[in-house]
N, C-alpha and C. Protein backbone atom coordinates (compact mmCIF):
# COMPACT_ATOMS: atom_id res chain seq x y z
N MET A 1 9.85 10.53 -4.32
CA MET A 1 10.88 9.80 -4.32
C MET A 1 11.73 9.56 -3.28
N ALA A 2 11.56 10.84 -2.18
CA ALA A 2 12.13 10.50 -1.04
C ALA A 2 11.60 9.69 -0.27
N ASN A 3 10.15 9.36 -0.31
CA ASN A 3 9.28 8.50 0.42
C ASN A 3 9.94 7.00 0.09
N VAL A 4 9.93 7.10 -1.30
CA VAL A 4 10.46 5.54 -1.72
C VAL A 4 11.70 5.27 -1.17
N GLU A 5 12.65 6.34 -1.10
CA GLU A 5 14.12 6.21 -0.79
C GLU A 5 14.05 5.72 0.80
N ARG A 6 13.15 6.37 1.44
CA ARG A 6 13.02 6.21 2.99
C ARG A 6 12.66 4.62 3.34
N LEU A 7 11.57 4.27 2.46
CA LEU A 7 11.11 2.81 2.82
C LEU A 7 12.19 1.54 2.43
N MET A 8 13.05 2.00 1.17
CA MET A 8 13.94 1.19 0.69
C MET A 8 15.23 1.15 1.96
N ARG A 9 15.57 2.15 2.40
CA ARG A 9 16.29 2.31 3.58
C ARG A 9 16.02 1.39 4.65
N GLN A 10 14.51 1.30 5.17
CA GLN A 10 14.31 0.47 5.97
C GLN A 10 14.60 -1.19 6.02
N VAL A 11 14.85 -1.50 4.57
CA VAL A 11 14.86 -3.07 4.55
C VAL A 11 16.23 -3.22 4.03
N ILE A 12 17.01 -2.50 3.89
CA ILE A 12 18.37 -2.93 3.38
C ILE A 12 19.23 -2.57 4.60
N PRO A 13 20.49 -3.39 4.80
CA PRO A 13 21.40 -3.40 5.88
C PRO A 13 22.24 -1.88 5.97
N LYS A 14 22.64 -1.52 7.07
CA LYS A 14 23.16 -0.12 7.30
C LYS A 14 24.61 -0.40 6.69
N GLY A 15 24.78 0.73 6.11
CA GLY A 15 26.26 0.78 5.33
C GLY A 15 25.90 0.44 3.91
N PHE A 16 24.89 0.02 3.08
CA PHE A 16 24.82 -0.12 1.89
C PHE A 16 24.09 1.18 1.25
N ARG A 17 24.52 1.33 0.13
CA ARG A 17 24.01 2.60 -0.80
C ARG A 17 23.04 2.02 -1.78
N ILE A 18 22.36 3.07 -2.36
CA ILE A 18 21.17 2.72 -3.14
C ILE A 18 21.60 3.56 -4.44
N SER A 19 22.05 3.19 -5.39
CA SER A 19 22.15 3.91 -6.66
C SER A 19 21.14 4.75 -7.04
N SER A 20 21.45 5.91 -7.74
CA SER A 20 20.24 6.66 -8.02
C SER A 20 19.46 6.15 -9.16
N SER A 21 19.83 5.31 -9.88
CA SER A 21 18.96 4.53 -11.02
C SER A 21 18.20 3.60 -10.42
N SER A 22 18.54 2.96 -9.17
CA SER A 22 17.76 1.90 -8.66
C SER A 22 16.68 2.74 -7.65
N LYS A 23 16.97 4.09 -7.21
CA LYS A 23 15.91 4.60 -6.72
C LYS A 23 14.92 5.00 -7.72
N GLN A 24 15.29 5.57 -9.18
CA GLN A 24 14.42 5.80 -10.09
C GLN A 24 13.60 4.59 -10.44
N LEU A 25 14.14 3.77 -10.56
CA LEU A 25 13.37 2.39 -11.16
C LEU A 25 12.45 1.94 -10.12
N THR A 26 12.90 2.16 -8.75
CA THR A 26 11.87 1.65 -7.72
C THR A 26 10.75 2.58 -7.72
N HIS A 27 11.00 4.05 -7.91
CA HIS A 27 10.13 4.92 -7.76
C HIS A 27 8.91 4.59 -9.05
N ASP A 28 9.54 4.59 -10.21
CA ASP A 28 8.75 4.34 -11.24
C ASP A 28 7.84 2.96 -11.05
N CYS A 29 8.39 1.81 -10.79
CA CYS A 29 7.75 0.68 -10.50
C CYS A 29 6.55 0.67 -9.31
N THR A 30 6.97 1.69 -8.41
CA THR A 30 5.56 1.97 -7.34
C THR A 30 4.83 2.73 -7.99
N VAL A 31 4.82 3.79 -8.71
CA VAL A 31 3.92 4.46 -9.57
C VAL A 31 3.21 3.47 -10.33
N GLU A 32 3.79 2.99 -11.06
CA GLU A 32 2.80 1.89 -12.00
C GLU A 32 2.11 1.02 -11.26
N PHE A 33 2.70 0.24 -10.17
CA PHE A 33 1.94 -0.54 -9.42
C PHE A 33 0.81 0.08 -8.65
N ALA A 34 0.86 1.48 -8.06
CA ALA A 34 -0.43 1.98 -7.57
C ALA A 34 -1.35 2.35 -8.68
N GLY A 35 -1.00 2.72 -9.84
CA GLY A 35 -1.98 2.96 -10.89
C GLY A 35 -2.70 1.75 -11.38
N PHE A 36 -1.86 0.71 -11.18
CA PHE A 36 -2.60 -0.77 -11.43
C PHE A 36 -3.51 -1.31 -10.83
N ILE A 37 -3.42 -0.98 -9.40
CA ILE A 37 -4.13 -1.48 -8.15
C ILE A 37 -5.38 -0.19 -8.34
N THR A 38 -5.22 1.10 -8.48
CA THR A 38 -6.17 1.83 -8.29
C THR A 38 -7.23 1.47 -9.51
N GLY A 39 -6.41 1.35 -10.76
CA GLY A 39 -7.52 1.09 -11.98
C GLY A 39 -8.45 0.00 -11.65
N GLU A 40 -7.81 -1.19 -10.97
CA GLU A 40 -8.75 -2.24 -10.69
C GLU A 40 -9.81 -1.86 -9.45
N ALA A 41 -9.39 -0.79 -8.51
CA ALA A 41 -10.40 -0.72 -7.22
C ALA A 41 -11.51 0.27 -8.16
N SER A 42 -11.02 1.29 -9.16
CA SER A 42 -11.93 1.92 -9.81
C SER A 42 -13.15 0.96 -10.41
N GLU A 43 -12.68 -0.02 -11.00
CA GLU A 43 -13.51 -0.96 -11.70
C GLU A 43 -14.29 -1.49 -10.53
N GLN A 44 -14.00 -1.98 -9.41
CA GLN A 44 -14.78 -2.46 -8.35
C GLN A 44 -15.72 -1.38 -7.96
N ALA A 45 -15.63 -0.22 -7.94
CA ALA A 45 -16.44 1.01 -7.46
C ALA A 45 -17.48 1.20 -8.60
N ARG A 46 -17.13 1.14 -9.70
CA ARG A 46 -17.90 1.28 -11.08
C ARG A 46 -18.89 0.13 -11.18
N ALA A 47 -18.35 -1.11 -10.83
CA ALA A 47 -19.25 -2.10 -11.00
C ALA A 47 -20.46 -2.28 -10.08
N GLN A 48 -20.25 -1.22 -8.90
CA GLN A 48 -21.37 -0.92 -8.01
C GLN A 48 -21.90 0.09 -8.20
N HIS A 49 -21.70 0.77 -9.01
CA HIS A 49 -22.47 2.01 -9.53
C HIS A 49 -22.15 3.19 -8.54
N ARG A 50 -20.79 3.19 -8.15
CA ARG A 50 -20.30 4.29 -7.08
C ARG A 50 -19.16 4.89 -7.88
N ARG A 51 -19.19 6.36 -7.42
CA ARG A 51 -17.93 7.26 -7.96
C ARG A 51 -16.84 7.35 -7.12
N ALA A 52 -17.06 6.86 -5.69
CA ALA A 52 -15.86 7.13 -4.75
C ALA A 52 -15.30 5.55 -4.57
N ILE A 53 -13.78 5.61 -4.64
CA ILE A 53 -13.28 4.34 -4.30
C ILE A 53 -12.95 4.13 -2.93
N THR A 54 -13.29 3.36 -2.13
CA THR A 54 -13.15 2.90 -0.85
C THR A 54 -11.80 1.95 -0.49
N PRO A 55 -11.46 1.88 0.55
CA PRO A 55 -10.29 1.06 0.92
C PRO A 55 -10.68 -0.45 0.75
N GLU A 56 -12.08 -0.57 0.90
CA GLU A 56 -12.68 -2.29 0.63
C GLU A 56 -12.39 -2.45 -0.80
N ASP A 57 -12.69 -1.37 -1.74
CA ASP A 57 -12.20 -1.61 -3.12
C ASP A 57 -10.85 -2.06 -3.26
N TYR A 58 -9.93 -1.22 -2.80
CA TYR A 58 -8.38 -1.64 -2.91
C TYR A 58 -8.10 -2.80 -2.56
N ILE A 59 -8.63 -3.54 -1.21
CA ILE A 59 -8.69 -4.82 -0.88
C ILE A 59 -9.17 -5.76 -1.84
N ALA A 60 -10.44 -5.70 -2.58
CA ALA A 60 -10.82 -6.27 -3.43
C ALA A 60 -10.13 -6.35 -4.54
N SER A 61 -9.24 -5.64 -4.83
CA SER A 61 -8.53 -5.32 -6.42
C SER A 61 -7.47 -6.04 -5.99
N PHE A 62 -6.72 -6.24 -4.89
CA PHE A 62 -5.58 -6.97 -4.38
C PHE A 62 -5.89 -8.51 -4.49
N GLU A 63 -7.31 -9.00 -4.16
CA GLU A 63 -7.87 -10.24 -4.37
C GLU A 63 -7.88 -10.57 -5.75
N ALA A 64 -8.65 -9.73 -6.66
CA ALA A 64 -8.98 -9.90 -7.88
C ALA A 64 -7.76 -10.04 -8.82
N LEU A 65 -6.62 -9.57 -8.38
CA LEU A 65 -5.45 -9.49 -9.13
C LEU A 65 -4.36 -10.44 -8.64
N GLY A 66 -4.90 -11.17 -7.75
CA GLY A 66 -3.80 -12.44 -7.12
C GLY A 66 -2.89 -11.95 -6.42
N PHE A 67 -3.11 -10.96 -5.73
CA PHE A 67 -2.10 -10.38 -4.35
C PHE A 67 -2.60 -10.82 -3.26
N ASP A 68 -2.90 -12.31 -3.11
CA ASP A 68 -3.61 -12.72 -1.96
C ASP A 68 -2.99 -12.48 -0.58
N ASP A 69 -1.44 -12.47 -0.76
CA ASP A 69 -0.56 -12.33 0.46
C ASP A 69 -0.90 -11.03 1.16
N TYR A 70 -1.21 -9.97 0.42
CA TYR A 70 -1.55 -8.51 0.89
C TYR A 70 -3.00 -8.38 1.30
N VAL A 71 -3.94 -9.33 1.31
CA VAL A 71 -5.05 -8.88 1.81
C VAL A 71 -5.38 -8.97 3.39
N GLU A 72 -5.07 -9.68 3.85
CA GLU A 72 -4.99 -9.58 5.39
C GLU A 72 -4.24 -8.53 6.15
N PRO A 73 -3.07 -8.19 5.66
CA PRO A 73 -2.38 -6.99 5.89
C PRO A 73 -3.11 -5.71 5.90
N MET A 74 -3.85 -5.85 4.47
CA MET A 74 -4.61 -4.47 4.08
C MET A 74 -5.85 -4.19 4.95
N ASN A 75 -6.64 -5.75 5.28
CA ASN A 75 -7.65 -5.64 6.29
C ASN A 75 -7.24 -5.11 7.67
N THR A 76 -6.13 -5.63 7.98
CA THR A 76 -5.58 -5.33 9.21
C THR A 76 -5.40 -3.85 9.27
N TYR A 77 -4.76 -3.02 8.63
CA TYR A 77 -4.63 -1.63 8.17
C TYR A 77 -5.77 -1.05 8.52
N VAL A 78 -6.90 -1.16 7.43
CA VAL A 78 -7.89 -0.53 7.37
C VAL A 78 -8.65 -0.56 8.85
N ARG A 79 -8.79 -1.70 9.22
CA ARG A 79 -9.56 -1.72 10.73
C ARG A 79 -8.86 -0.75 11.65
N GLY A 80 -7.55 -0.89 11.55
CA GLY A 80 -6.54 -0.08 12.61
C GLY A 80 -6.96 1.66 12.21
N TYR A 81 -7.13 1.75 10.97
CA TYR A 81 -7.43 3.04 10.72
C TYR A 81 -8.74 3.69 11.07
N CYS A 82 -9.85 2.68 10.63
CA CYS A 82 -11.02 3.03 10.80
C CYS A 82 -11.30 3.28 12.47
N GLY A 83 -10.52 2.35 13.17
CA GLY A 83 -10.58 2.56 14.61
C GLY A 83 -10.22 3.87 15.27
N GLN A 84 -9.20 4.51 14.33
CA GLN A 84 -8.90 6.07 14.77
C GLN A 84 -9.63 6.97 14.11
N HIS A 85 -10.81 6.61 13.67
CA HIS A 85 -11.74 7.78 13.04
C HIS A 85 -13.32 7.58 13.53
N ASN A 86 -13.75 8.63 13.32
CA ASN A 86 -15.20 8.67 13.93
C ASN A 86 -15.79 7.91 12.77
N THR A 87 -17.33 7.61 13.13
CA THR A 87 -18.20 6.89 12.24
C THR A 87 -18.55 7.66 11.14
N ALA A 88 -18.19 8.88 11.13
CA ALA A 88 -18.76 9.68 9.87
C ALA A 88 -18.04 9.01 8.41
N GLY A 89 -17.12 8.09 8.58
CA GLY A 89 -16.69 7.62 7.40
C GLY A 89 -15.14 7.68 7.29
N TYR A 90 -14.67 7.64 6.20
CA TYR A 90 -13.37 7.60 5.80
C TYR A 90 -12.83 8.94 5.83
N GLY A 91 -13.52 10.12 5.73
CA GLY A 91 -13.09 11.33 5.61
C GLY A 91 -12.36 11.85 6.66
N GLY A 92 -11.89 13.05 6.75
CA GLY A 92 -11.15 13.67 7.72
C GLY A 92 -9.54 13.59 7.52
N ASP A 93 -8.92 13.50 8.83
CA ASP A 93 -7.31 13.66 8.82
C ASP A 93 -7.11 12.13 8.48
N TYR A 94 -6.23 11.96 7.45
CA TYR A 94 -5.67 10.72 7.24
C TYR A 94 -4.27 10.47 7.94
N ALA A 95 -4.38 10.28 9.19
CA ALA A 95 -3.35 9.97 10.01
C ALA A 95 -2.83 8.85 10.60
N TRP A 96 -3.64 7.78 9.88
CA TRP A 96 -3.24 6.46 10.72
C TRP A 96 -2.45 5.74 9.94
N PRO A 97 -1.60 5.03 10.23
CA PRO A 97 -0.63 4.98 11.32
C PRO A 97 -0.14 6.49 11.38
N PRO A 98 0.58 6.86 12.29
CA PRO A 98 1.50 8.12 12.43
C PRO A 98 2.39 8.32 11.31
N HIS A 99 2.57 9.40 10.82
CA HIS A 99 3.60 9.80 9.67
C HIS A 99 4.83 8.85 9.86
N GLY A 100 5.38 8.25 8.91
CA GLY A 100 6.55 7.53 8.74
C GLY A 100 6.73 6.31 9.75
N THR A 101 5.53 5.62 9.89
CA THR A 101 5.74 4.27 10.75
C THR A 101 4.87 3.19 9.64
N VAL A 102 5.03 2.06 9.64
CA VAL A 102 4.51 1.03 8.98
C VAL A 102 3.71 0.13 9.81
N PRO A 103 2.76 -0.39 9.40
CA PRO A 103 2.26 -1.37 10.37
C PRO A 103 2.87 -2.58 10.56
N ALA A 104 2.83 -2.93 11.93
CA ALA A 104 3.49 -4.20 12.23
C ALA A 104 3.23 -5.43 11.57
N THR A 105 2.01 -5.56 10.78
CA THR A 105 1.65 -6.85 10.22
C THR A 105 2.20 -6.88 8.68
N VAL A 106 2.99 -5.52 8.19
CA VAL A 106 3.51 -5.46 6.81
C VAL A 106 4.77 -5.62 7.25
N THR A 107 5.39 -6.63 6.44
CA THR A 107 6.66 -6.82 6.41
C THR A 107 7.46 -6.76 5.32
N ALA A 108 8.92 -6.92 4.79
CA ALA A 108 9.33 -6.81 3.55
C ALA A 108 9.49 -8.46 3.25
N PRO A 109 9.14 -8.40 1.95
CA PRO A 109 9.34 -9.70 1.18
C PRO A 109 10.63 -10.35 1.45
N ASP A 110 10.33 -11.83 1.85
CA ASP A 110 11.60 -12.63 2.01
C ASP A 110 12.31 -12.76 1.09
N ALA A 111 13.64 -12.28 0.93
CA ALA A 111 14.48 -12.20 -0.21
C ALA A 111 14.93 -13.57 -0.76
N SER A 112 14.93 -14.71 0.12
CA SER A 112 15.18 -15.95 -0.13
C SER A 112 14.36 -16.68 -1.00
N ARG A 113 12.91 -16.15 -0.97
CA ARG A 113 11.95 -16.85 -1.65
C ARG A 113 12.21 -16.59 -3.14
N ASN A 114 11.84 -17.44 -3.65
CA ASN A 114 11.74 -17.29 -5.49
C ASN A 114 10.63 -17.53 -6.04
N ASP A 115 9.46 -16.86 -5.41
CA ASP A 115 8.16 -17.12 -5.97
C ASP A 115 8.03 -16.26 -7.49
């Protein structure tokens, strides 16, 4: 819940407050969205007879579910993440980007758009 609130505070103007019910609703939506994307990523891995879900499975799930605007930022994120780790794979210390930072390619949605 604290992580969600921290992210919310990054995109709202200073001096604005976030009600408890808004924080809870955002948290619940975030959990549901993560489960939705992970379920599709799991299907991607299962279709290839694998038991491990990779970042590429998540990217493919974003594409399959129509979240095309997120595919390139996710690719950029994964490339940066992999560049920070050895060639042994995705294992090890999951510390990219440094704790509390958001990649520059990821931006808050434009509130003026009515998509």
